[in-house]
Amino acid sequence: MKIWAIILPLLVAACATPVRREVSPADSFFNQFSQICGKSFSGKLVAGDASDSAFAQADMRAHVALCEPSKIEIKFDVDEDRSRTWIMSKTPVGLRLKHRHMLKDGTEDPVSQYGGDTADLGSATRQQFPVDSYSKEMFTREGRTVSNTNIWAFEIDPGTSFTYELSRPNRLFRVQFDVSKPLKSAAQ
């Protein structure tokens, strides 16, 4: 009976002690994007090639339009083209990035919902998303096999900028958004 008098309080104390969970780099990164939710930002092309000349002259805007506990949607407008949305969501082991493209009639483009999951821990300021098998199958079906080696990334420099990146062999495309100067108008 005396042993229970010693063990029982220890067991109760052990159960009552909160377990501190380390914040993963992916969670920290996601939380930083959540801080800019509801705001819109101007962007500029900071890396590209000749095929990106239209982006170099375009009015680019990002609208961090929807923030839920496990999903963030960022609308990416290029001039009057409002067909693109980046969707970042939490997974059990990291983050997932998908690209949604809409046609002018409001239906989804056949080349849509492509992206990938983080393959490593990344950091609190940069996460990379290698192309997933669904995307490879879609790119192959749609005759865009050059995209089967894509790696997308987002970077965030809190209070300064966030950057979207597409890279693959012989290709680098980066658009940087100035978060220090949110635009006055919200996403439509």
N, C-alpha and C. Protein backbone atom coordinates (compact mmCIF):
# COMPACT_ATOMS: atom_id res chain seq x y z
N MET A 1 0.82 -1.19 0.00
CA MET A 1 0.00 0.00 0.00
C MET A 1 0.86 1.25 0.00
N LYS A 2 2.00 1.21 0.72
CA LYS A 2 2.87 2.39 0.77
C LYS A 2 3.46 2.71 -0.59
N ILE A 3 3.73 1.69 -1.40
CA ILE A 3 4.32 1.93 -2.72
C ILE A 3 3.38 2.73 -3.61
N TRP A 4 2.06 2.46 -3.53
CA TRP A 4 1.09 3.21 -4.32
C TRP A 4 1.00 4.66 -3.86
N ALA A 5 1.25 4.88 -2.62
CA ALA A 5 1.23 6.26 -2.10
C ALA A 5 2.37 7.07 -2.72
N ILE A 6 3.42 6.40 -3.12
CA ILE A 6 4.55 7.09 -3.76
C ILE A 6 4.35 7.15 -5.28
N ILE A 7 3.93 6.04 -5.89
CA ILE A 7 3.82 5.95 -7.34
C ILE A 7 2.65 6.76 -7.90
N LEU A 8 1.50 6.70 -7.24
CA LEU A 8 0.31 7.37 -7.76
C LEU A 8 0.51 8.88 -7.96
N PRO A 9 1.05 9.61 -7.00
CA PRO A 9 1.29 11.04 -7.25
C PRO A 9 2.27 11.30 -8.39
N LEU A 10 3.27 10.42 -8.54
CA LEU A 10 4.22 10.57 -9.64
C LEU A 10 3.54 10.35 -11.00
N LEU A 11 2.66 9.35 -11.07
CA LEU A 11 1.93 9.10 -12.31
C LEU A 11 1.00 10.26 -12.64
N VAL A 12 0.31 10.78 -11.65
CA VAL A 12 -0.58 11.92 -11.88
C VAL A 12 0.23 13.12 -12.35
N ALA A 13 1.37 13.38 -11.73
CA ALA A 13 2.21 14.51 -12.11
C ALA A 13 2.73 14.34 -13.54
N ALA A 14 3.11 13.12 -13.91
CA ALA A 14 3.61 12.87 -15.25
C ALA A 14 2.53 13.11 -16.30
N CYS A 15 1.31 12.74 -16.00
CA CYS A 15 0.21 12.95 -16.95
C CYS A 15 -0.16 14.42 -17.06
N ALA A 16 0.02 15.17 -15.98
CA ALA A 16 -0.37 16.57 -15.98
C ALA A 16 0.69 17.48 -16.60
N THR A 17 1.90 16.99 -16.75
CA THR A 17 2.97 17.80 -17.32
C THR A 17 2.76 17.95 -18.81
N PRO A 18 2.63 19.20 -19.31
CA PRO A 18 2.42 19.38 -20.74
C PRO A 18 3.64 18.93 -21.54
N VAL A 19 3.37 18.32 -22.66
CA VAL A 19 4.45 17.88 -23.55
C VAL A 19 4.66 19.01 -24.56
N ARG A 20 5.88 19.53 -24.60
CA ARG A 20 6.20 20.60 -25.55
C ARG A 20 6.61 19.98 -26.88
N ARG A 21 5.92 20.39 -27.90
CA ARG A 21 6.20 19.88 -29.23
C ARG A 21 7.08 20.89 -29.96
N GLU A 22 8.15 20.39 -30.54
CA GLU A 22 9.01 21.24 -31.36
C GLU A 22 8.22 21.72 -32.57
N VAL A 23 8.38 22.97 -32.92
CA VAL A 23 7.75 23.49 -34.12
C VAL A 23 8.67 23.13 -35.28
N SER A 24 8.12 22.41 -36.25
CA SER A 24 8.92 21.99 -37.40
C SER A 24 9.21 23.18 -38.31
N PRO A 25 10.24 23.09 -39.14
CA PRO A 25 10.50 24.17 -40.11
C PRO A 25 9.28 24.42 -41.01
N ALA A 26 8.58 23.35 -41.41
CA ALA A 26 7.40 23.50 -42.27
C ALA A 26 6.30 24.27 -41.54
N ASP A 27 6.07 23.94 -40.27
CA ASP A 27 5.05 24.66 -39.49
C ASP A 27 5.43 26.12 -39.31
N SER A 28 6.69 26.37 -39.03
CA SER A 28 7.15 27.74 -38.86
C SER A 28 6.98 28.53 -40.16
N PHE A 29 7.34 27.92 -41.28
CA PHE A 29 7.19 28.53 -42.59
C PHE A 29 5.72 28.84 -42.86
N PHE A 30 4.85 27.86 -42.64
CA PHE A 30 3.42 28.02 -42.86
C PHE A 30 2.87 29.15 -41.99
N ASN A 31 3.29 29.19 -40.73
CA ASN A 31 2.83 30.24 -39.82
C ASN A 31 3.26 31.63 -40.28
N GLN A 32 4.44 31.74 -40.87
CA GLN A 32 4.89 33.04 -41.38
C GLN A 32 4.01 33.50 -42.55
N PHE A 33 3.61 32.57 -43.41
CA PHE A 33 2.70 32.94 -44.50
C PHE A 33 1.34 33.33 -43.94
N SER A 34 0.91 32.69 -42.88
CA SER A 34 -0.38 33.04 -42.27
C SER A 34 -0.38 34.48 -41.77
N GLN A 35 0.78 35.01 -41.42
CA GLN A 35 0.87 36.39 -40.92
C GLN A 35 0.54 37.43 -41.99
N ILE A 36 0.63 37.06 -43.26
CA ILE A 36 0.34 38.02 -44.33
C ILE A 36 -1.01 37.74 -44.99
N CYS A 37 -1.82 36.93 -44.34
CA CYS A 37 -3.12 36.58 -44.89
C CYS A 37 -4.01 37.81 -45.05
N GLY A 38 -4.78 37.80 -46.13
CA GLY A 38 -5.70 38.89 -46.39
C GLY A 38 -5.06 40.09 -47.06
N LYS A 39 -3.79 40.00 -47.37
CA LYS A 39 -3.08 41.13 -47.97
C LYS A 39 -2.66 40.81 -49.41
N SER A 40 -2.46 41.86 -50.18
CA SER A 40 -2.03 41.75 -51.57
C SER A 40 -0.71 42.48 -51.77
N PHE A 41 0.10 41.96 -52.71
CA PHE A 41 1.44 42.50 -52.89
C PHE A 41 1.80 42.56 -54.37
N SER A 42 2.61 43.55 -54.74
CA SER A 42 3.15 43.65 -56.09
C SER A 42 4.36 42.73 -56.22
N GLY A 43 4.51 42.20 -57.43
CA GLY A 43 5.64 41.32 -57.68
C GLY A 43 6.43 41.75 -58.89
N LYS A 44 7.65 41.22 -58.95
CA LYS A 44 8.49 41.48 -60.13
C LYS A 44 9.29 40.23 -60.44
N LEU A 45 9.56 40.06 -61.72
CA LEU A 45 10.38 38.94 -62.18
C LEU A 45 11.82 39.20 -61.76
N VAL A 46 12.43 38.27 -61.03
CA VAL A 46 13.82 38.45 -60.61
C VAL A 46 14.75 37.41 -61.25
N ALA A 47 14.16 36.40 -61.90
CA ALA A 47 14.96 35.43 -62.67
C ALA A 47 14.04 34.81 -63.70
N GLY A 48 14.54 34.70 -64.91
CA GLY A 48 13.76 34.11 -65.99
C GLY A 48 14.60 34.03 -67.24
N ASP A 49 13.98 33.56 -68.32
CA ASP A 49 14.68 33.50 -69.60
C ASP A 49 13.82 34.16 -70.67
N ALA A 50 14.19 34.00 -71.92
CA ALA A 50 13.48 34.68 -73.02
C ALA A 50 11.99 34.32 -73.05
N SER A 51 11.63 33.12 -72.64
CA SER A 51 10.22 32.72 -72.65
C SER A 51 9.40 33.47 -71.59
N ASP A 52 10.07 34.17 -70.69
CA ASP A 52 9.39 34.90 -69.62
C ASP A 52 9.29 36.40 -69.89
N SER A 53 9.54 36.83 -71.12
CA SER A 53 9.56 38.26 -71.41
C SER A 53 8.24 38.94 -71.07
N ALA A 54 7.12 38.26 -71.27
CA ALA A 54 5.82 38.86 -70.93
C ALA A 54 5.72 39.12 -69.42
N PHE A 55 6.29 38.24 -68.60
CA PHE A 55 6.27 38.44 -67.15
C PHE A 55 7.10 39.65 -66.75
N ALA A 56 8.20 39.88 -67.46
CA ALA A 56 9.08 41.00 -67.11
C ALA A 56 8.36 42.34 -67.23
N GLN A 57 7.40 42.43 -68.16
CA GLN A 57 6.67 43.68 -68.38
C GLN A 57 5.32 43.72 -67.67
N ALA A 58 4.90 42.62 -67.10
CA ALA A 58 3.54 42.50 -66.56
C ALA A 58 3.40 43.12 -65.17
N ASP A 59 2.16 43.47 -64.88
CA ASP A 59 1.77 43.88 -63.53
C ASP A 59 1.39 42.59 -62.81
N MET A 60 2.25 42.15 -61.90
CA MET A 60 2.02 40.90 -61.17
C MET A 60 1.63 41.21 -59.73
N ARG A 61 0.62 40.49 -59.25
CA ARG A 61 0.13 40.67 -57.89
C ARG A 61 -0.14 39.32 -57.26
N ALA A 62 0.14 39.24 -55.99
CA ALA A 62 -0.21 38.05 -55.20
C ALA A 62 -1.19 38.48 -54.13
N HIS A 63 -2.24 37.69 -53.96
CA HIS A 63 -3.25 37.94 -52.94
C HIS A 63 -3.27 36.72 -52.02
N VAL A 64 -2.81 36.87 -50.81
CA VAL A 64 -2.85 35.78 -49.84
C VAL A 64 -4.29 35.77 -49.34
N ALA A 65 -5.13 35.08 -50.10
CA ALA A 65 -6.57 35.26 -50.02
C ALA A 65 -7.27 34.39 -48.99
N LEU A 66 -6.82 33.20 -48.77
CA LEU A 66 -7.51 32.28 -47.88
C LEU A 66 -6.49 31.65 -46.95
N CYS A 67 -6.73 31.75 -45.66
CA CYS A 67 -5.84 31.11 -44.69
C CYS A 67 -6.69 30.33 -43.71
N GLU A 68 -6.49 29.04 -43.71
CA GLU A 68 -7.13 28.13 -42.78
C GLU A 68 -6.03 27.47 -41.96
N PRO A 69 -6.36 26.78 -40.89
CA PRO A 69 -5.31 26.16 -40.08
C PRO A 69 -4.38 25.22 -40.85
N SER A 70 -4.87 24.61 -41.92
CA SER A 70 -4.00 23.69 -42.66
C SER A 70 -3.91 23.99 -44.15
N LYS A 71 -4.43 25.16 -44.59
CA LYS A 71 -4.38 25.48 -46.02
C LYS A 71 -4.31 26.99 -46.22
N ILE A 72 -3.46 27.40 -47.18
CA ILE A 72 -3.34 28.80 -47.59
C ILE A 72 -3.47 28.83 -49.11
N GLU A 73 -4.32 29.74 -49.60
CA GLU A 73 -4.45 29.94 -51.05
C GLU A 73 -3.94 31.33 -51.41
N ILE A 74 -3.06 31.36 -52.40
CA ILE A 74 -2.47 32.62 -52.87
C ILE A 74 -2.84 32.78 -54.34
N LYS A 75 -3.65 33.78 -54.63
CA LYS A 75 -4.02 34.06 -56.01
C LYS A 75 -2.87 34.83 -56.65
N PHE A 76 -2.49 34.42 -57.85
CA PHE A 76 -1.39 35.05 -58.59
C PHE A 76 -1.95 35.63 -59.88
N ASP A 77 -2.03 36.95 -59.93
CA ASP A 77 -2.56 37.65 -61.10
C ASP A 77 -1.41 38.20 -61.93
N VAL A 78 -1.53 38.03 -63.24
CA VAL A 78 -0.56 38.58 -64.20
C VAL A 78 -1.37 39.45 -65.15
N ASP A 79 -1.20 40.77 -65.02
CA ASP A 79 -2.04 41.73 -65.73
C ASP A 79 -3.50 41.39 -65.40
N GLU A 80 -4.32 41.17 -66.42
CA GLU A 80 -5.75 40.87 -66.18
C GLU A 80 -6.03 39.38 -66.06
N ASP A 81 -5.01 38.56 -66.20
CA ASP A 81 -5.17 37.11 -66.10
C ASP A 81 -5.22 36.72 -64.62
N ARG A 82 -6.40 36.30 -64.17
CA ARG A 82 -6.59 35.92 -62.77
C ARG A 82 -6.87 34.41 -62.66
N SER A 83 -6.25 33.64 -63.51
CA SER A 83 -6.55 32.21 -63.60
C SER A 83 -5.72 31.33 -62.67
N ARG A 84 -4.71 31.89 -61.99
CA ARG A 84 -3.76 31.07 -61.24
C ARG A 84 -3.95 31.21 -59.73
N THR A 85 -3.85 30.06 -59.04
CA THR A 85 -3.86 30.05 -57.57
C THR A 85 -2.85 29.02 -57.09
N TRP A 86 -2.02 29.42 -56.15
CA TRP A 86 -1.11 28.49 -55.48
C TRP A 86 -1.80 28.05 -54.19
N ILE A 87 -1.82 26.75 -53.96
CA ILE A 87 -2.47 26.20 -52.77
C ILE A 87 -1.42 25.44 -51.97
N MET A 88 -1.13 25.95 -50.79
CA MET A 88 -0.17 25.32 -49.89
C MET A 88 -0.96 24.71 -48.73
N SER A 89 -0.72 23.43 -48.46
CA SER A 89 -1.44 22.78 -47.37
C SER A 89 -0.49 21.91 -46.56
N LYS A 90 -0.88 21.71 -45.31
CA LYS A 90 -0.09 20.87 -44.42
C LYS A 90 -0.37 19.40 -44.71
N THR A 91 0.67 18.59 -44.59
CA THR A 91 0.56 17.14 -44.67
C THR A 91 1.05 16.58 -43.33
N PRO A 92 0.89 15.29 -43.09
CA PRO A 92 1.38 14.74 -41.82
C PRO A 92 2.90 14.92 -41.62
N VAL A 93 3.65 15.08 -42.72
CA VAL A 93 5.11 15.18 -42.59
C VAL A 93 5.73 16.45 -43.15
N GLY A 94 4.92 17.36 -43.64
CA GLY A 94 5.48 18.59 -44.23
C GLY A 94 4.40 19.44 -44.87
N LEU A 95 4.69 19.87 -46.10
CA LEU A 95 3.76 20.73 -46.84
C LEU A 95 3.56 20.21 -48.25
N ARG A 96 2.44 20.60 -48.83
CA ARG A 96 2.12 20.26 -50.23
C ARG A 96 1.82 21.56 -50.96
N LEU A 97 2.27 21.65 -52.21
CA LEU A 97 1.96 22.78 -53.07
C LEU A 97 1.24 22.26 -54.29
N LYS A 98 0.11 22.89 -54.61
CA LYS A 98 -0.63 22.59 -55.84
C LYS A 98 -0.88 23.90 -56.58
N HIS A 99 -0.94 23.81 -57.88
CA HIS A 99 -1.23 24.94 -58.75
C HIS A 99 -2.60 24.70 -59.37
N ARG A 100 -3.52 25.62 -59.13
CA ARG A 100 -4.84 25.51 -59.75
C ARG A 100 -4.92 26.57 -60.86
N HIS A 101 -5.31 26.11 -62.06
CA HIS A 101 -5.48 26.99 -63.22
C HIS A 101 -6.91 26.87 -63.70
N MET A 102 -7.54 28.02 -63.92
CA MET A 102 -8.92 28.05 -64.38
C MET A 102 -8.99 28.63 -65.79
N LEU A 103 -9.94 28.13 -66.57
CA LEU A 103 -10.20 28.67 -67.90
C LEU A 103 -11.13 29.87 -67.79
N LYS A 104 -11.24 30.65 -68.84
CA LYS A 104 -12.08 31.85 -68.82
C LYS A 104 -13.54 31.54 -68.55
N ASP A 105 -14.00 30.34 -68.92
CA ASP A 105 -15.40 30.00 -68.69
C ASP A 105 -15.67 29.53 -67.26
N GLY A 106 -14.63 29.55 -66.41
CA GLY A 106 -14.80 29.17 -65.01
C GLY A 106 -14.54 27.71 -64.71
N THR A 107 -14.24 26.91 -65.73
CA THR A 107 -13.92 25.50 -65.49
C THR A 107 -12.41 25.36 -65.28
N GLU A 108 -12.04 24.24 -64.70
CA GLU A 108 -10.63 24.01 -64.44
C GLU A 108 -9.89 23.62 -65.71
N ASP A 109 -8.71 24.19 -65.89
CA ASP A 109 -7.84 23.90 -67.02
C ASP A 109 -7.42 22.42 -66.95
N PRO A 110 -7.23 21.75 -68.10
CA PRO A 110 -6.74 20.37 -68.06
C PRO A 110 -5.35 20.25 -67.40
N VAL A 111 -4.58 21.34 -67.46
CA VAL A 111 -3.28 21.35 -66.77
C VAL A 111 -3.47 22.15 -65.48
N SER A 112 -3.84 21.44 -64.44
CA SER A 112 -4.14 22.06 -63.15
C SER A 112 -3.91 21.03 -62.05
N GLN A 113 -3.85 21.51 -60.83
CA GLN A 113 -3.66 20.67 -59.64
C GLN A 113 -2.31 19.95 -59.66
N TYR A 114 -1.35 20.53 -60.33
CA TYR A 114 -0.01 19.94 -60.34
C TYR A 114 0.81 20.54 -59.21
N GLY A 115 1.86 19.83 -58.81
CA GLY A 115 2.72 20.30 -57.74
C GLY A 115 3.46 19.14 -57.09
N GLY A 116 3.66 19.24 -55.79
CA GLY A 116 4.37 18.19 -55.08
C GLY A 116 4.42 18.46 -53.59
N ASP A 117 4.98 17.50 -52.87
CA ASP A 117 5.15 17.57 -51.42
C ASP A 117 6.61 17.83 -51.09
N THR A 118 6.82 18.48 -49.95
CA THR A 118 8.20 18.67 -49.50
C THR A 118 8.85 17.30 -49.31
N ALA A 119 10.10 17.20 -49.70
CA ALA A 119 10.82 15.93 -49.60
C ALA A 119 11.83 15.94 -48.44
N ASP A 120 12.03 17.11 -47.84
CA ASP A 120 12.92 17.22 -46.69
C ASP A 120 12.34 18.26 -45.74
N LEU A 121 13.04 18.53 -44.66
CA LEU A 121 12.52 19.45 -43.64
C LEU A 121 12.46 20.89 -44.13
N GLY A 122 13.32 21.26 -45.07
CA GLY A 122 13.37 22.64 -45.50
C GLY A 122 13.78 23.53 -44.34
N SER A 123 13.37 24.79 -44.38
CA SER A 123 13.69 25.70 -43.29
C SER A 123 12.48 26.58 -43.00
N ALA A 124 12.60 27.40 -42.01
CA ALA A 124 11.52 28.32 -41.66
C ALA A 124 11.34 29.40 -42.73
N THR A 125 12.33 29.54 -43.62
CA THR A 125 12.25 30.58 -44.65
C THR A 125 12.20 30.05 -46.09
N ARG A 126 12.42 28.75 -46.30
CA ARG A 126 12.38 28.18 -47.65
C ARG A 126 11.87 26.74 -47.60
N GLN A 127 10.91 26.47 -48.50
CA GLN A 127 10.39 25.11 -48.66
C GLN A 127 10.37 24.79 -50.15
N GLN A 128 10.82 23.55 -50.49
CA GLN A 128 10.86 23.10 -51.89
C GLN A 128 9.87 21.96 -52.09
N PHE A 129 9.30 21.91 -53.29
CA PHE A 129 8.26 20.95 -53.62
C PHE A 129 8.59 20.25 -54.94
N PRO A 130 9.28 19.10 -54.89
CA PRO A 130 9.57 18.37 -56.13
C PRO A 130 8.28 17.83 -56.76
N VAL A 131 8.27 17.75 -58.08
CA VAL A 131 7.10 17.28 -58.82
C VAL A 131 6.66 15.91 -58.31
N ASP A 132 5.36 15.71 -58.14
CA ASP A 132 4.83 14.43 -57.67
C ASP A 132 4.41 13.55 -58.85
N SER A 133 4.07 12.30 -58.57
CA SER A 133 3.74 11.35 -59.63
C SER A 133 2.46 11.74 -60.36
N TYR A 134 1.46 12.27 -59.66
CA TYR A 134 0.24 12.74 -60.33
C TYR A 134 0.59 13.78 -61.39
N SER A 135 1.44 14.73 -61.02
CA SER A 135 1.81 15.81 -61.94
C SER A 135 2.59 15.27 -63.13
N LYS A 136 3.51 14.34 -62.88
CA LYS A 136 4.27 13.75 -63.99
C LYS A 136 3.35 13.06 -64.99
N GLU A 137 2.37 12.32 -64.47
CA GLU A 137 1.41 11.64 -65.36
C GLU A 137 0.62 12.67 -66.17
N MET A 138 0.17 13.73 -65.53
CA MET A 138 -0.60 14.77 -66.22
C MET A 138 0.26 15.48 -67.26
N PHE A 139 1.49 15.86 -66.88
CA PHE A 139 2.37 16.54 -67.82
C PHE A 139 2.66 15.66 -69.03
N THR A 140 2.87 14.37 -68.81
CA THR A 140 3.13 13.44 -69.91
C THR A 140 1.90 13.34 -70.81
N ARG A 141 0.73 13.18 -70.21
CA ARG A 141 -0.52 13.09 -70.97
C ARG A 141 -0.78 14.35 -71.81
N GLU A 142 -0.41 15.52 -71.27
CA GLU A 142 -0.67 16.80 -71.93
C GLU A 142 0.50 17.26 -72.82
N GLY A 143 1.51 16.39 -72.99
CA GLY A 143 2.63 16.72 -73.88
C GLY A 143 3.60 17.74 -73.30
N ARG A 144 3.69 17.80 -72.00
CA ARG A 144 4.58 18.76 -71.34
C ARG A 144 5.63 18.04 -70.48
N THR A 145 6.27 17.05 -71.07
CA THR A 145 7.21 16.23 -70.31
C THR A 145 8.41 17.02 -69.79
N VAL A 146 8.69 18.18 -70.36
CA VAL A 146 9.79 19.01 -69.86
C VAL A 146 9.54 19.37 -68.39
N SER A 147 8.28 19.38 -67.97
CA SER A 147 7.94 19.75 -66.59
C SER A 147 8.07 18.58 -65.60
N ASN A 148 8.42 17.40 -66.09
CA ASN A 148 8.52 16.23 -65.21
C ASN A 148 9.68 16.28 -64.24
N THR A 149 10.54 17.29 -64.36
CA THR A 149 11.65 17.45 -63.41
C THR A 149 11.50 18.75 -62.58
N ASN A 150 10.33 19.35 -62.65
CA ASN A 150 10.11 20.61 -61.93
C ASN A 150 10.32 20.48 -60.43
N ILE A 151 10.86 21.53 -59.87
CA ILE A 151 10.91 21.73 -58.41
C ILE A 151 10.42 23.15 -58.18
N TRP A 152 9.36 23.28 -57.39
CA TRP A 152 8.85 24.60 -57.04
C TRP A 152 9.32 24.93 -55.64
N ALA A 153 9.42 26.19 -55.34
CA ALA A 153 9.83 26.61 -54.00
C ALA A 153 9.16 27.92 -53.65
N PHE A 154 8.99 28.13 -52.37
CA PHE A 154 8.60 29.42 -51.83
C PHE A 154 9.65 29.80 -50.81
N GLU A 155 9.98 31.09 -50.78
CA GLU A 155 10.85 31.65 -49.75
C GLU A 155 10.11 32.80 -49.10
N ILE A 156 10.38 33.03 -47.83
CA ILE A 156 9.80 34.19 -47.17
C ILE A 156 10.87 34.87 -46.33
N ASP A 157 10.94 36.18 -46.48
CA ASP A 157 11.81 37.02 -45.67
C ASP A 157 10.83 37.92 -44.91
N PRO A 158 10.47 37.53 -43.69
CA PRO A 158 9.39 38.23 -42.97
C PRO A 158 9.56 39.74 -42.97
N GLY A 159 8.46 40.41 -43.30
CA GLY A 159 8.45 41.86 -43.32
C GLY A 159 9.07 42.47 -44.55
N THR A 160 9.69 41.65 -45.40
CA THR A 160 10.37 42.16 -46.59
C THR A 160 9.79 41.62 -47.89
N SER A 161 9.81 40.28 -48.06
CA SER A 161 9.38 39.72 -49.34
C SER A 161 9.00 38.25 -49.20
N PHE A 162 8.29 37.77 -50.22
CA PHE A 162 8.19 36.33 -50.43
C PHE A 162 8.41 36.08 -51.91
N THR A 163 8.97 34.91 -52.22
CA THR A 163 9.37 34.58 -53.58
C THR A 163 8.81 33.23 -53.97
N TYR A 164 8.28 33.17 -55.20
CA TYR A 164 7.85 31.92 -55.82
C TYR A 164 8.92 31.54 -56.83
N GLU A 165 9.24 30.25 -56.89
CA GLU A 165 10.30 29.78 -57.80
C GLU A 165 9.89 28.49 -58.49
N LEU A 166 10.22 28.41 -59.76
CA LEU A 166 10.14 27.18 -60.54
C LEU A 166 11.54 26.92 -61.08
N SER A 167 12.06 25.72 -60.84
CA SER A 167 13.37 25.38 -61.39
C SER A 167 13.33 23.96 -61.95
N ARG A 168 14.17 23.75 -62.93
CA ARG A 168 14.44 22.44 -63.52
C ARG A 168 15.72 22.62 -64.33
N PRO A 169 16.31 21.57 -64.85
CA PRO A 169 17.53 21.75 -65.64
C PRO A 169 17.32 22.78 -66.75
N ASN A 170 18.22 23.72 -66.84
CA ASN A 170 18.21 24.79 -67.85
C ASN A 170 17.02 25.74 -67.72
N ARG A 171 16.43 25.83 -66.52
CA ARG A 171 15.27 26.72 -66.35
C ARG A 171 15.20 27.22 -64.91
N LEU A 172 15.10 28.53 -64.75
CA LEU A 172 14.88 29.14 -63.44
C LEU A 172 13.94 30.32 -63.63
N PHE A 173 12.82 30.29 -62.92
CA PHE A 173 11.82 31.34 -62.96
C PHE A 173 11.53 31.74 -61.52
N ARG A 174 11.70 33.03 -61.21
CA ARG A 174 11.45 33.52 -59.85
C ARG A 174 10.70 34.85 -59.91
N VAL A 175 9.64 34.94 -59.10
CA VAL A 175 8.90 36.19 -58.93
C VAL A 175 8.95 36.53 -57.45
N GLN A 176 9.36 37.76 -57.17
CA GLN A 176 9.47 38.22 -55.79
C GLN A 176 8.39 39.27 -55.51
N PHE A 177 7.74 39.13 -54.35
CA PHE A 177 6.66 40.02 -53.94
C PHE A 177 7.10 40.83 -52.73
N ASP A 178 6.84 42.13 -52.78
CA ASP A 178 7.24 43.06 -51.73
C ASP A 178 6.18 43.09 -50.63
N VAL A 179 6.44 42.41 -49.51
CA VAL A 179 5.45 42.39 -48.42
C VAL A 179 5.58 43.60 -47.49
N SER A 180 6.60 44.42 -47.70
CA SER A 180 6.75 45.61 -46.87
C SER A 180 5.76 46.70 -47.29
N LYS A 181 5.18 46.56 -48.48
CA LYS A 181 4.25 47.57 -48.99
C LYS A 181 2.98 46.88 -49.52
N PRO A 182 2.09 46.43 -48.62
CA PRO A 182 0.86 45.80 -49.10
C PRO A 182 0.06 46.76 -49.99
N LEU A 183 -0.59 46.20 -50.99
CA LEU A 183 -1.44 47.00 -51.88
C LEU A 183 -2.71 47.38 -51.14
N LYS A 184 -3.30 48.49 -51.53
CA LYS A 184 -4.51 48.97 -50.84
C LYS A 184 -5.72 48.14 -51.16
N SER A 185 -5.81 47.62 -52.39
CA SER A 185 -6.98 46.84 -52.75
C SER A 185 -6.78 45.38 -52.39
N ALA A 186 -7.84 44.75 -51.92
CA ALA A 186 -7.79 43.34 -51.56
C ALA A 186 -8.07 42.49 -52.78
N ALA A 187 -7.86 41.19 -52.63
CA ALA A 187 -8.12 40.24 -53.72
C ALA A 187 -9.60 40.26 -54.09
N GLN A 188 -9.88 40.05 -55.35
CA GLN A 188 -11.27 40.03 -55.81
C GLN A 188 -11.77 38.62 -55.85
